[in-house]
Amino acid sequence: MHIKPEELKLARLFIYLPMARKVMEKDLTKVNAAGFKFSEPYTEMIEGCIERIGKEIYKIKRDLNKIGLKVYAKDRVQGDLFVRYLVKCRGFEQEMAILSEVMKNSVRDIIINYMAFRS
């Protein structure tokens, strides 16, 4: 038995979602400083995304706690080419190396999905 693919998917979301939220928070600051004539639609959209991402992070953390999965950042390798993480679950350990470009694209895709989703 090892760490299951769906558990690794949760681990990736645990890594990517806070990054996406941080990007959105920085973008919100920039939109607020830009001085748009009608900034409210933009700020409301971004704030809604940040709120939904926050709720999803809460759910992911709850799910990780239920299954006892922990994610630890290890280090950046070869001048930030990729980042390594250690995933522990049910007594098993697995190293996960994520290319920085893959991480960037995944965070961008998450942001696109949250911006397209309106509730």
PDB file of N, CA and C in Angstrom:
ATOM      1  N   MET A   1       0.852  -1.185   0.000  1.00  0.00           N
ATOM      2  CA  MET A   1       0.000   0.000   0.000  1.00  0.00           C
ATOM      3  C   MET A   1       0.891   1.240   0.000  1.00  0.00           C
ATOM      4  N   HIS A   2       0.456   2.261  -0.632  1.00  0.00           N
ATOM      5  CA  HIS A   2       1.191   3.520  -0.690  1.00  0.00           C
ATOM      6  C   HIS A   2       0.203   4.684  -0.641  1.00  0.00           C
ATOM      7  N   ILE A   3       0.725   5.863  -0.858  1.00  0.00           N
ATOM      8  CA  ILE A   3      -0.155   7.028  -0.879  1.00  0.00           C
ATOM      9  C   ILE A   3      -0.945   6.996  -2.185  1.00  0.00           C
ATOM     10  N   LYS A   4      -2.251   7.105  -2.058  1.00  0.00           N
ATOM     11  CA  LYS A   4      -3.154   6.959  -3.204  1.00  0.00           C
ATOM     12  C   LYS A   4      -3.123   8.204  -4.097  1.00  0.00           C
ATOM     13  N   PRO A   5      -3.420   8.037  -5.397  1.00  0.00           N
ATOM     14  CA  PRO A   5      -3.451   9.191  -6.310  1.00  0.00           C
ATOM     15  C   PRO A   5      -4.404  10.292  -5.871  1.00  0.00           C
ATOM     16  N   GLU A   6      -5.572   9.925  -5.336  1.00  0.00           N
ATOM     17  CA  GLU A   6      -6.513  10.955  -4.888  1.00  0.00           C
ATOM     18  C   GLU A   6      -5.975  11.715  -3.673  1.00  0.00           C
ATOM     19  N   GLU A   7      -5.153  11.049  -2.858  1.00  0.00           N
ATOM     20  CA  GLU A   7      -4.529  11.727  -1.722  1.00  0.00           C
ATOM     21  C   GLU A   7      -3.455  12.699  -2.209  1.00  0.00           C
ATOM     22  N   LEU A   8      -2.721  12.308  -3.230  1.00  0.00           N
ATOM     23  CA  LEU A   8      -1.723  13.204  -3.810  1.00  0.00           C
ATOM     24  C   LEU A   8      -2.389  14.406  -4.478  1.00  0.00           C
ATOM     25  N   LYS A   9      -3.575  14.180  -5.041  1.00  0.00           N
ATOM     26  CA  LYS A   9      -4.326  15.286  -5.636  1.00  0.00           C
ATOM     27  C   LYS A   9      -4.703  16.295  -4.550  1.00  0.00           C
ATOM     28  N   LEU A  10      -5.149  15.809  -3.398  1.00  0.00           N
ATOM     29  CA  LEU A  10      -5.453  16.695  -2.269  1.00  0.00           C
ATOM     30  C   LEU A  10      -4.206  17.458  -1.826  1.00  0.00           C
ATOM     31  N   ALA A  11      -3.064  16.760  -1.803  1.00  0.00           N
ATOM     32  CA  ALA A  11      -1.812  17.400  -1.402  1.00  0.00           C
ATOM     33  C   ALA A  11      -1.466  18.533  -2.375  1.00  0.00           C
ATOM     34  N   ARG A  12      -1.643  18.291  -3.669  1.00  0.00           N
ATOM     35  CA  ARG A  12      -1.363  19.339  -4.659  1.00  0.00           C
ATOM     36  C   ARG A  12      -2.292  20.539  -4.471  1.00  0.00           C
ATOM     37  N   LEU A  13      -3.573  20.267  -4.234  1.00  0.00           N
ATOM     38  CA  LEU A  13      -4.509  21.366  -3.991  1.00  0.00           C
ATOM     39  C   LEU A  13      -4.125  22.148  -2.736  1.00  0.00           C
ATOM     40  N   PHE A  14      -3.650  21.432  -1.727  1.00  0.00           N
ATOM     41  CA  PHE A  14      -3.205  22.067  -0.488  1.00  0.00           C
ATOM     42  C   PHE A  14      -2.030  23.007  -0.761  1.00  0.00           C
ATOM     43  N   ILE A  15      -1.234  22.684  -1.764  1.00  0.00           N
ATOM     44  CA  ILE A  15      -0.093  23.526  -2.153  1.00  0.00           C
ATOM     45  C   ILE A  15      -0.552  24.679  -3.042  1.00  0.00           C
ATOM     46  N   TYR A  16      -1.374  24.372  -4.054  1.00  0.00           N
ATOM     47  CA  TYR A  16      -1.734  25.355  -5.076  1.00  0.00           C
ATOM     48  C   TYR A  16      -2.762  26.390  -4.622  1.00  0.00           C
ATOM     49  N   LEU A  17      -3.769  25.975  -3.868  1.00  0.00           N
ATOM     50  CA  LEU A  17      -4.852  26.897  -3.510  1.00  0.00           C
ATOM     51  C   LEU A  17      -4.372  28.109  -2.695  1.00  0.00           C
ATOM     52  N   PRO A  18      -3.516  27.934  -1.682  1.00  0.00           N
ATOM     53  CA  PRO A  18      -3.024  29.127  -0.981  1.00  0.00           C
ATOM     54  C   PRO A  18      -2.217  30.055  -1.892  1.00  0.00           C
ATOM     55  N   MET A  19      -1.497  29.471  -2.851  1.00  0.00           N
ATOM     56  CA  MET A  19      -0.767  30.304  -3.813  1.00  0.00           C
ATOM     57  C   MET A  19      -1.735  31.107  -4.669  1.00  0.00           C
ATOM     58  N   ALA A  20      -2.801  30.464  -5.114  1.00  0.00           N
ATOM     59  CA  ALA A  20      -3.799  31.148  -5.928  1.00  0.00           C
ATOM     60  C   ALA A  20      -4.437  32.285  -5.127  1.00  0.00           C
ATOM     61  N   ARG A  21      -4.747  32.021  -3.866  1.00  0.00           N
ATOM     62  CA  ARG A  21      -5.343  33.059  -3.020  1.00  0.00           C
ATOM     63  C   ARG A  21      -4.391  34.238  -2.858  1.00  0.00           C
ATOM     64  N   LYS A  22      -3.124  33.947  -2.655  1.00  0.00           N
ATOM     65  CA  LYS A  22      -2.137  35.010  -2.488  1.00  0.00           C
ATOM     66  C   LYS A  22      -2.029  35.865  -3.756  1.00  0.00           C
ATOM     67  N   VAL A  23      -2.035  35.224  -4.921  1.00  0.00           N
ATOM     68  CA  VAL A  23      -1.998  35.960  -6.189  1.00  0.00           C
ATOM     69  C   VAL A  23      -3.222  36.859  -6.313  1.00  0.00           C
ATOM     70  N   MET A  24      -4.393  36.312  -5.987  1.00  0.00           N
ATOM     71  CA  MET A  24      -5.625  37.101  -6.075  1.00  0.00           C
ATOM     72  C   MET A  24      -5.602  38.283  -5.099  1.00  0.00           C
ATOM     73  N   GLU A  25      -5.066  38.084  -3.910  1.00  0.00           N
ATOM     74  CA  GLU A  25      -4.971  39.169  -2.934  1.00  0.00           C
ATOM     75  C   GLU A  25      -4.051  40.284  -3.441  1.00  0.00           C
ATOM     76  N   LYS A  26      -2.938  39.903  -4.062  1.00  0.00           N
ATOM     77  CA  LYS A  26      -2.036  40.905  -4.639  1.00  0.00           C
ATOM     78  C   LYS A  26      -2.721  41.644  -5.786  1.00  0.00           C
ATOM     79  N   ASP A  27      -3.452  40.901  -6.613  1.00  0.00           N
ATOM     80  CA  ASP A  27      -4.164  41.531  -7.727  1.00  0.00           C
ATOM     81  C   ASP A  27      -5.239  42.489  -7.219  1.00  0.00           C
ATOM     82  N   LEU A  28      -5.904  42.121  -6.145  1.00  0.00           N
ATOM     83  CA  LEU A  28      -6.922  43.001  -5.558  1.00  0.00           C
ATOM     84  C   LEU A  28      -6.296  44.325  -5.121  1.00  0.00           C
ATOM     85  N   THR A  29      -5.134  44.249  -4.515  1.00  0.00           N
ATOM     86  CA  THR A  29      -4.417  45.456  -4.103  1.00  0.00           C
ATOM     87  C   THR A  29      -4.092  46.330  -5.314  1.00  0.00           C
ATOM     88  N   LYS A  30      -3.667  45.695  -6.387  1.00  0.00           N
ATOM     89  CA  LYS A  30      -3.333  46.446  -7.607  1.00  0.00           C
ATOM     90  C   LYS A  30      -4.578  47.078  -8.234  1.00  0.00           C
ATOM     91  N   VAL A  31      -5.681  46.345  -8.251  1.00  0.00           N
ATOM     92  CA  VAL A  31      -6.927  46.900  -8.801  1.00  0.00           C
ATOM     93  C   VAL A  31      -7.381  48.086  -7.965  1.00  0.00           C
ATOM     94  N   ASN A  32      -7.306  47.965  -6.645  1.00  0.00           N
ATOM     95  CA  ASN A  32      -7.711  49.062  -5.766  1.00  0.00           C
ATOM     96  C   ASN A  32      -6.830  50.295  -5.972  1.00  0.00           C
ATOM     97  N   ALA A  33      -5.558  50.091  -6.268  1.00  0.00           N
ATOM     98  CA  ALA A  33      -4.628  51.205  -6.454  1.00  0.00           C
ATOM     99  C   ALA A  33      -4.696  51.795  -7.862  1.00  0.00           C
ATOM    100  N   ALA A  34      -5.307  51.080  -8.799  1.00  0.00           N
ATOM    101  CA  ALA A  34      -5.298  51.511 -10.198  1.00  0.00           C
ATOM    102  C   ALA A  34      -6.188  52.722 -10.458  1.00  0.00           C
ATOM    103  N   GLY A  35      -7.180  52.937  -9.640  1.00  0.00           N
ATOM    104  CA  GLY A  35      -8.045  54.089  -9.809  1.00  0.00           C
ATOM    105  C   GLY A  35      -9.029  53.957 -10.958  1.00  0.00           C
ATOM    106  N   PHE A  36      -9.568  52.767 -11.164  1.00  0.00           N
ATOM    107  CA  PHE A  36     -10.597  52.581 -12.193  1.00  0.00           C
ATOM    108  C   PHE A  36     -11.812  53.437 -11.867  1.00  0.00           C
ATOM    109  N   LYS A  37     -12.505  53.848 -12.891  1.00  0.00           N
ATOM    110  CA  LYS A  37     -13.721  54.628 -12.685  1.00  0.00           C
ATOM    111  C   LYS A  37     -14.765  53.799 -11.935  1.00  0.00           C
ATOM    112  N   PHE A  38     -14.908  52.556 -12.335  1.00  0.00           N
ATOM    113  CA  PHE A  38     -15.832  51.630 -11.666  1.00  0.00           C
ATOM    114  C   PHE A  38     -15.040  50.416 -11.189  1.00  0.00           C
ATOM    115  N   SER A  39     -14.412  50.546 -10.059  1.00  0.00           N
ATOM    116  CA  SER A  39     -13.581  49.452  -9.563  1.00  0.00           C
ATOM    117  C   SER A  39     -14.389  48.375  -8.839  1.00  0.00           C
ATOM    118  N   GLU A  40     -15.625  48.720  -8.415  1.00  0.00           N
ATOM    119  CA  GLU A  40     -16.416  47.770  -7.620  1.00  0.00           C
ATOM    120  C   GLU A  40     -16.638  46.424  -8.316  1.00  0.00           C
ATOM    121  N   PRO A  41     -16.985  46.378  -9.597  1.00  0.00           N
ATOM    122  CA  PRO A  41     -17.197  45.053 -10.208  1.00  0.00           C
ATOM    123  C   PRO A  41     -15.945  44.174 -10.158  1.00  0.00           C
ATOM    124  N   TYR A  42     -14.794  44.807 -10.350  1.00  0.00           N
ATOM    125  CA  TYR A  42     -13.544  44.051 -10.333  1.00  0.00           C
ATOM    126  C   TYR A  42     -13.197  43.589  -8.929  1.00  0.00           C
ATOM    127  N   THR A  43     -13.327  44.508  -7.978  1.00  0.00           N
ATOM    128  CA  THR A  43     -12.986  44.126  -6.606  1.00  0.00           C
ATOM    129  C   THR A  43     -13.957  43.080  -6.067  1.00  0.00           C
ATOM    130  N   GLU A  44     -15.246  43.205  -6.402  1.00  0.00           N
ATOM    131  CA  GLU A  44     -16.220  42.208  -5.942  1.00  0.00           C
ATOM    132  C   GLU A  44     -15.938  40.836  -6.550  1.00  0.00           C
ATOM    133  N   MET A  45     -15.561  40.815  -7.828  1.00  0.00           N
ATOM    134  CA  MET A  45     -15.253  39.544  -8.470  1.00  0.00           C
ATOM    135  C   MET A  45     -14.028  38.893  -7.812  1.00  0.00           C
ATOM    136  N   ILE A  46     -12.981  39.678  -7.611  1.00  0.00           N
ATOM    137  CA  ILE A  46     -11.761  39.141  -7.006  1.00  0.00           C
ATOM    138  C   ILE A  46     -12.015  38.733  -5.558  1.00  0.00           C
ATOM    139  N   GLU A  47     -12.743  39.562  -4.804  1.00  0.00           N
ATOM    140  CA  GLU A  47     -13.051  39.208  -3.416  1.00  0.00           C
ATOM    141  C   GLU A  47     -13.873  37.927  -3.339  1.00  0.00           C
ATOM    142  N   GLY A  48     -14.795  37.747  -4.282  1.00  0.00           N
ATOM    143  CA  GLY A  48     -15.581  36.513  -4.325  1.00  0.00           C
ATOM    144  C   GLY A  48     -14.708  35.303  -4.580  1.00  0.00           C
ATOM    145  N   CYS A  49     -13.743  35.447  -5.484  1.00  0.00           N
ATOM    146  CA  CYS A  49     -12.802  34.351  -5.761  1.00  0.00           C
ATOM    147  C   CYS A  49     -11.976  34.019  -4.527  1.00  0.00           C
ATOM    148  N   ILE A  50     -11.485  35.063  -3.858  1.00  0.00           N
ATOM    149  CA  ILE A  50     -10.684  34.855  -2.653  1.00  0.00           C
ATOM    150  C   ILE A  50     -11.502  34.131  -1.588  1.00  0.00           C
ATOM    151  N   GLU A  51     -12.754  34.525  -1.443  1.00  0.00           N
ATOM    152  CA  GLU A  51     -13.622  33.883  -0.447  1.00  0.00           C
ATOM    153  C   GLU A  51     -13.866  32.412  -0.795  1.00  0.00           C
ATOM    154  N   ARG A  52     -14.163  32.120  -2.063  1.00  0.00           N
ATOM    155  CA  ARG A  52     -14.406  30.730  -2.466  1.00  0.00           C
ATOM    156  C   ARG A  52     -13.141  29.878  -2.332  1.00  0.00           C
ATOM    157  N   ILE A  53     -12.000  30.449  -2.666  1.00  0.00           N
ATOM    158  CA  ILE A  53     -10.740  29.722  -2.500  1.00  0.00           C
ATOM    159  C   ILE A  53     -10.501  29.443  -1.016  1.00  0.00           C
ATOM    160  N   GLY A  54     -10.773  30.426  -0.168  1.00  0.00           N
ATOM    161  CA  GLY A  54     -10.614  30.238   1.275  1.00  0.00           C
ATOM    162  C   GLY A  54     -11.476  29.109   1.809  1.00  0.00           C
ATOM    163  N   LYS A  55     -12.719  29.043   1.332  1.00  0.00           N
ATOM    164  CA  LYS A  55     -13.615  27.956   1.746  1.00  0.00           C
ATOM    165  C   LYS A  55     -13.092  26.608   1.276  1.00  0.00           C
ATOM    166  N   GLU A  56     -12.558  26.572   0.064  1.00  0.00           N
ATOM    167  CA  GLU A  56     -12.014  25.320  -0.466  1.00  0.00           C
ATOM    168  C   GLU A  56     -10.771  24.893   0.319  1.00  0.00           C
ATOM    169  N   ILE A  57      -9.943  25.846   0.693  1.00  0.00           N
ATOM    170  CA  ILE A  57      -8.763  25.531   1.508  1.00  0.00           C
ATOM    171  C   ILE A  57      -9.203  24.926   2.835  1.00  0.00           C
ATOM    172  N   TYR A  58     -10.235  25.493   3.437  1.00  0.00           N
ATOM    173  CA  TYR A  58     -10.754  24.950   4.694  1.00  0.00           C
ATOM    174  C   TYR A  58     -11.184  23.495   4.523  1.00  0.00           C
ATOM    175  N   LYS A  59     -11.921  23.213   3.430  1.00  0.00           N
ATOM    176  CA  LYS A  59     -12.384  21.843   3.170  1.00  0.00           C
ATOM    177  C   LYS A  59     -11.211  20.893   2.946  1.00  0.00           C
ATOM    178  N   ILE A  60     -10.221  21.346   2.197  1.00  0.00           N
ATOM    179  CA  ILE A  60      -9.044  20.515   1.919  1.00  0.00           C
ATOM    180  C   ILE A  60      -8.319  20.204   3.226  1.00  0.00           C
ATOM    181  N   LYS A  61      -8.127  21.207   4.065  1.00  0.00           N
ATOM    182  CA  LYS A  61      -7.449  20.981   5.351  1.00  0.00           C
ATOM    183  C   LYS A  61      -8.217  19.990   6.209  1.00  0.00           C
ATOM    184  N   ARG A  62      -9.544  20.114   6.209  1.00  0.00           N
ATOM    185  CA  ARG A  62     -10.381  19.194   6.976  1.00  0.00           C
ATOM    186  C   ARG A  62     -10.213  17.770   6.447  1.00  0.00           C
ATOM    187  N   ASP A  63     -10.221  17.622   5.121  1.00  0.00           N
ATOM    188  CA  ASP A  63     -10.053  16.302   4.511  1.00  0.00           C
ATOM    189  C   ASP A  63      -8.664  15.730   4.807  1.00  0.00           C
ATOM    190  N   LEU A  64      -7.643  16.574   4.753  1.00  0.00           N
ATOM    191  CA  LEU A  64      -6.284  16.116   5.051  1.00  0.00           C
ATOM    192  C   LEU A  64      -6.185  15.637   6.498  1.00  0.00           C
ATOM    193  N   ASN A  65      -6.806  16.371   7.413  1.00  0.00           N
ATOM    194  CA  ASN A  65      -6.789  15.960   8.817  1.00  0.00           C
ATOM    195  C   ASN A  65      -7.505  14.631   9.020  1.00  0.00           C
ATOM    196  N   LYS A  66      -8.632  14.430   8.310  1.00  0.00           N
ATOM    197  CA  LYS A  66      -9.389  13.174   8.439  1.00  0.00           C
ATOM    198  C   LYS A  66      -8.553  11.961   8.063  1.00  0.00           C
ATOM    199  N   ILE A  67      -7.773  12.090   7.001  1.00  0.00           N
ATOM    200  CA  ILE A  67      -6.985  10.937   6.532  1.00  0.00           C
ATOM    201  C   ILE A  67      -5.567  10.943   7.088  1.00  0.00           C
ATOM    202  N   GLY A  68      -5.226  11.978   7.852  1.00  0.00           N
ATOM    203  CA  GLY A  68      -3.902  12.042   8.465  1.00  0.00           C
ATOM    204  C   GLY A  68      -2.785  12.342   7.478  1.00  0.00           C
ATOM    205  N   LEU A  69      -3.094  13.102   6.446  1.00  0.00           N
ATOM    206  CA  LEU A  69      -2.096  13.427   5.433  1.00  0.00           C
ATOM    207  C   LEU A  69      -1.429  14.755   5.783  1.00  0.00           C
ATOM    208  N   LYS A  70      -0.103  14.764   5.722  1.00  0.00           N
ATOM    209  CA  LYS A  70       0.678  15.975   6.007  1.00  0.00           C
ATOM    210  C   LYS A  70       1.557  16.276   4.794  1.00  0.00           C
ATOM    211  N   VAL A  71       1.712  17.582   4.507  1.00  0.00           N
ATOM    212  CA  VAL A  71       2.552  18.026   3.398  1.00  0.00           C
ATOM    213  C   VAL A  71       3.612  18.965   3.963  1.00  0.00           C
ATOM    214  N   TYR A  72       4.863  18.665   3.649  1.00  0.00           N
ATOM    215  CA  TYR A  72       5.974  19.486   4.121  1.00  0.00           C
ATOM    216  C   TYR A  72       6.771  19.989   2.926  1.00  0.00           C
ATOM    217  N   ALA A  73       7.019  21.296   2.894  1.00  0.00           N
ATOM    218  CA  ALA A  73       7.892  21.859   1.859  1.00  0.00           C
ATOM    219  C   ALA A  73       9.321  21.463   2.215  1.00  0.00           C
ATOM    220  N   LYS A  74      10.048  20.943   1.228  1.00  0.00           N
ATOM    221  CA  LYS A  74      11.436  20.545   1.481  1.00  0.00           C
ATOM    222  C   LYS A  74      12.397  21.626   1.013  1.00  0.00           C
ATOM    223  N   ASP A  75      12.503  21.787  -0.299  1.00  0.00           N
ATOM    224  CA  ASP A  75      13.454  22.768  -0.813  1.00  0.00           C
ATOM    225  C   ASP A  75      13.205  23.052  -2.287  1.00  0.00           C
ATOM    226  N   ARG A  76      13.859  24.100  -2.740  1.00  0.00           N
ATOM    227  CA  ARG A  76      13.852  24.439  -4.165  1.00  0.00           C
ATOM    228  C   ARG A  76      15.140  23.879  -4.747  1.00  0.00           C
ATOM    229  N   VAL A  77      15.048  23.346  -5.953  1.00  0.00           N
ATOM    230  CA  VAL A  77      16.197  22.668  -6.546  1.00  0.00           C
ATOM    231  C   VAL A  77      16.578  23.347  -7.853  1.00  0.00           C
ATOM    232  N   GLN A  78      17.866  23.358  -8.112  1.00  0.00           N
ATOM    233  CA  GLN A  78      18.435  23.876  -9.357  1.00  0.00           C
ATOM    234  C   GLN A  78      17.917  25.270  -9.671  1.00  0.00           C
ATOM    235  N   GLY A  79      18.150  26.199  -8.757  1.00  0.00           N
ATOM    236  CA  GLY A  79      17.776  27.589  -8.995  1.00  0.00           C
ATOM    237  C   GLY A  79      16.302  27.786  -9.246  1.00  0.00           C
ATOM    238  N   ASP A  80      15.471  27.189  -8.419  1.00  0.00           N
ATOM    239  CA  ASP A  80      14.015  27.332  -8.501  1.00  0.00           C
ATOM    240  C   ASP A  80      13.404  26.618  -9.703  1.00  0.00           C
ATOM    241  N   LEU A  81      14.091  25.667 -10.293  1.00  0.00           N
ATOM    242  CA  LEU A  81      13.524  24.916 -11.411  1.00  0.00           C
ATOM    243  C   LEU A  81      12.332  24.095 -10.943  1.00  0.00           C
ATOM    244  N   PHE A  82      12.456  23.488  -9.764  1.00  0.00           N
ATOM    245  CA  PHE A  82      11.318  22.791  -9.181  1.00  0.00           C
ATOM    246  C   PHE A  82      11.390  22.832  -7.673  1.00  0.00           C
ATOM    247  N   VAL A  83      10.252  22.553  -7.050  1.00  0.00           N
ATOM    248  CA  VAL A  83      10.125  22.569  -5.599  1.00  0.00           C
ATOM    249  C   VAL A  83       9.780  21.152  -5.147  1.00  0.00           C
ATOM    250  N   ARG A  84      10.434  20.726  -4.083  1.00  0.00           N
ATOM    251  CA  ARG A  84      10.168  19.386  -3.558  1.00  0.00           C
ATOM    252  C   ARG A  84       9.343  19.472  -2.281  1.00  0.00           C
ATOM    253  N   TYR A  85       8.428  18.522  -2.163  1.00  0.00           N
ATOM    254  CA  TYR A  85       7.576  18.403  -0.984  1.00  0.00           C
ATOM    255  C   TYR A  85       7.651  16.966  -0.497  1.00  0.00           C
ATOM    256  N   LEU A  86       7.427  16.798   0.788  1.00  0.00           N
ATOM    257  CA  LEU A  86       7.333  15.472   1.377  1.00  0.00           C
ATOM    258  C   LEU A  86       5.889  15.280   1.822  1.00  0.00           C
ATOM    259  N   VAL A  87       5.270  14.200   1.352  1.00  0.00           N
ATOM    260  CA  VAL A  87       3.890  13.877   1.703  1.00  0.00           C
ATOM    261  C   VAL A  87       3.920  12.646   2.595  1.00  0.00           C
ATOM    262  N   LYS A  88       3.267  12.754   3.766  1.00  0.00           N
ATOM    263  CA  LYS A  88       3.188  11.632   4.708  1.00  0.00           C
ATOM    264  C   LYS A  88       1.731  11.287   4.944  1.00  0.00           C
ATOM    265  N   CYS A  89       1.432   9.987   4.871  1.00  0.00           N
ATOM    266  CA  CYS A  89       0.067   9.529   5.096  1.00  0.00           C
ATOM    267  C   CYS A  89       0.082   8.057   5.493  1.00  0.00           C
ATOM    268  N   ARG A  90      -0.610   7.731   6.563  1.00  0.00           N
ATOM    269  CA  ARG A  90      -0.750   6.357   7.042  1.00  0.00           C
ATOM    270  C   ARG A  90       0.601   5.642   7.188  1.00  0.00           C
ATOM    271  N   GLY A  91       1.621   6.355   7.630  1.00  0.00           N
ATOM    272  CA  GLY A  91       2.939   5.762   7.828  1.00  0.00           C
ATOM    273  C   GLY A  91       3.792   5.708   6.570  1.00  0.00           C
ATOM    274  N   PHE A  92       3.253   6.116   5.447  1.00  0.00           N
ATOM    275  CA  PHE A  92       4.012   6.119   4.196  1.00  0.00           C
ATOM    276  C   PHE A  92       4.502   7.528   3.907  1.00  0.00           C
ATOM    277  N   GLU A  93       5.644   7.604   3.249  1.00  0.00           N
ATOM    278  CA  GLU A  93       6.193   8.882   2.831  1.00  0.00           C
ATOM    279  C   GLU A  93       6.443   8.842   1.333  1.00  0.00           C
ATOM    280  N   GLN A  94       6.180   9.970   0.703  1.00  0.00           N
ATOM    281  CA  GLN A  94       6.456  10.065  -0.726  1.00  0.00           C
ATOM    282  C   GLN A  94       6.937  11.471  -1.027  1.00  0.00           C
ATOM    283  N   GLU A  95       8.030  11.551  -1.748  1.00  0.00           N
ATOM    284  CA  GLU A  95       8.527  12.857  -2.169  1.00  0.00           C
ATOM    285  C   GLU A  95       7.818  13.256  -3.455  1.00  0.00           C
ATOM    286  N   MET A  96       7.474  14.521  -3.532  1.00  0.00           N
ATOM    287  CA  MET A  96       6.780  15.036  -4.707  1.00  0.00           C
ATOM    288  C   MET A  96       7.576  16.248  -5.186  1.00  0.00           C
ATOM    289  N   ALA A  97       8.063  16.190  -6.421  1.00  0.00           N
ATOM    290  CA  ALA A  97       8.788  17.310  -7.010  1.00  0.00           C
ATOM    291  C   ALA A  97       7.891  17.938  -8.071  1.00  0.00           C
ATOM    292  N   ILE A  98       7.680  19.242  -7.956  1.00  0.00           N
ATOM    293  CA  ILE A  98       6.800  19.945  -8.887  1.00  0.00           C
ATOM    294  C   ILE A  98       7.622  21.009  -9.609  1.00  0.00           C
ATOM    295  N   LEU A  99       7.639  20.929 -10.926  1.00  0.00           N
ATOM    296  CA  LEU A  99       8.319  21.948 -11.715  1.00  0.00           C
ATOM    297  C   LEU A  99       7.669  23.303 -11.469  1.00  0.00           C
ATOM    298  N   SER A 100       8.487  24.324 -11.350  1.00  0.00           N
ATOM    299  CA  SER A 100       7.960  25.669 -11.098  1.00  0.00           C
ATOM    300  C   SER A 100       6.989  26.098 -12.187  1.00  0.00           C
ATOM    301  N   GLU A 101       7.275  25.753 -13.423  1.00  0.00           N
ATOM    302  CA  GLU A 101       6.390  26.125 -14.533  1.00  0.00           C
ATOM    303  C   GLU A 101       5.047  25.400 -14.425  1.00  0.00           C
ATOM    304  N   VAL A 102       5.074  24.144 -14.010  1.00  0.00           N
ATOM    305  CA  VAL A 102       3.833  23.385 -13.800  1.00  0.00           C
ATOM    306  C   VAL A 102       3.033  24.011 -12.668  1.00  0.00           C
ATOM    307  N   MET A 103       3.723  24.399 -11.610  1.00  0.00           N
ATOM    308  CA  MET A 103       3.062  25.030 -10.469  1.00  0.00           C
ATOM    309  C   MET A 103       2.405  26.348 -10.906  1.00  0.00           C
ATOM    310  N   LYS A 104       3.138  27.147 -11.663  1.00  0.00           N
ATOM    311  CA  LYS A 104       2.609  28.426 -12.147  1.00  0.00           C
ATOM    312  C   LYS A 104       1.373  28.208 -13.008  1.00  0.00           C
ATOM    313  N   ASN A 105       1.439  27.256 -13.932  1.00  0.00           N
ATOM    314  CA  ASN A 105       0.302  26.974 -14.809  1.00  0.00           C
ATOM    315  C   ASN A 105      -0.894  26.433 -14.026  1.00  0.00           C
ATOM    316  N   SER A 106      -0.634  25.606 -13.028  1.00  0.00           N
ATOM    317  CA  SER A 106      -1.718  25.052 -12.215  1.00  0.00           C
ATOM    318  C   SER A 106      -2.415  26.139 -11.415  1.00  0.00           C
ATOM    319  N   VAL A 107      -1.643  27.059 -10.855  1.00  0.00           N
ATOM    320  CA  VAL A 107      -2.226  28.174 -10.096  1.00  0.00           C
ATOM    321  C   VAL A 107      -3.033  29.055 -11.042  1.00  0.00           C
ATOM    322  N   ARG A 108      -2.506  29.320 -12.224  1.00  0.00           N
ATOM    323  CA  ARG A 108      -3.244  30.120 -13.215  1.00  0.00           C
ATOM    324  C   ARG A 108      -4.565  29.444 -13.574  1.00  0.00           C
ATOM    325  N   ASP A 109      -4.543  28.131 -13.793  1.00  0.00           N
ATOM    326  CA  ASP A 109      -5.761  27.397 -14.136  1.00  0.00           C
ATOM    327  C   ASP A 109      -6.787  27.455 -13.007  1.00  0.00           C
ATOM    328  N   ILE A 110      -6.319  27.355 -11.783  1.00  0.00           N
ATOM    329  CA  ILE A 110      -7.225  27.464 -10.629  1.00  0.00           C
ATOM    330  C   ILE A 110      -7.882  28.838 -10.614  1.00  0.00           C
ATOM    331  N   ILE A 111      -7.097  29.881 -10.825  1.00  0.00           N
ATOM    332  CA  ILE A 111      -7.641  31.242 -10.826  1.00  0.00           C
ATOM    333  C   ILE A 111      -8.664  31.394 -11.944  1.00  0.00           C
ATOM    334  N   ILE A 112      -8.358  30.885 -13.125  1.00  0.00           N
ATOM    335  CA  ILE A 112      -9.300  30.959 -14.249  1.00  0.00           C
ATOM    336  C   ILE A 112     -10.601  30.261 -13.894  1.00  0.00           C
ATOM    337  N   ASN A 113     -10.505  29.081 -13.300  1.00  0.00           N
ATOM    338  CA  ASN A 113     -11.713  28.334 -12.930  1.00  0.00           C
ATOM    339  C   ASN A 113     -12.536  29.081 -11.885  1.00  0.00           C
ATOM    340  N   TYR A 114     -11.885  29.677 -10.905  1.00  0.00           N
ATOM    341  CA  TYR A 114     -12.631  30.408  -9.873  1.00  0.00           C
ATOM    342  C   TYR A 114     -13.223  31.697 -10.421  1.00  0.00           C
ATOM    343  N   MET A 115     -12.539  32.325 -11.385  1.00  0.00           N
ATOM    344  CA  MET A 115     -13.098  33.556 -11.965  1.00  0.00           C
ATOM    345  C   MET A 115     -14.278  33.255 -12.883  1.00  0.00           C
ATOM    346  N   ALA A 116     -14.267  32.097 -13.514  1.00  0.00           N
ATOM    347  CA  ALA A 116     -15.359  31.719 -14.418  1.00  0.00           C
ATOM    348  C   ALA A 116     -16.585  31.272 -13.630  1.00  0.00           C
ATOM    349  N   PHE A 117     -16.375  30.770 -12.411  1.00  0.00           N
ATOM    350  CA  PHE A 117     -17.461  30.273 -11.580  1.00  0.00           C
ATOM    351  C   PHE A 117     -18.048  31.417 -10.779  1.00  0.00           C
ATOM    352  N   ARG A 118     -19.299  31.677 -10.943  1.00  0.00           N
ATOM    353  CA  ARG A 118     -19.979  32.756 -10.203  1.00  0.00           C
ATOM    354  C   ARG A 118     -21.096  32.139  -9.371  1.00  0.00           C
ATOM    355  N   SER A 119     -21.049  32.393  -8.074  1.00  0.00           N
ATOM    356  CA  SER A 119     -22.162  31.927  -7.229  1.00  0.00           C
ATOM    357  C   SER A 119     -22.508  32.926  -6.173  1.00  0.00           C
TER     358      SER A 119
END
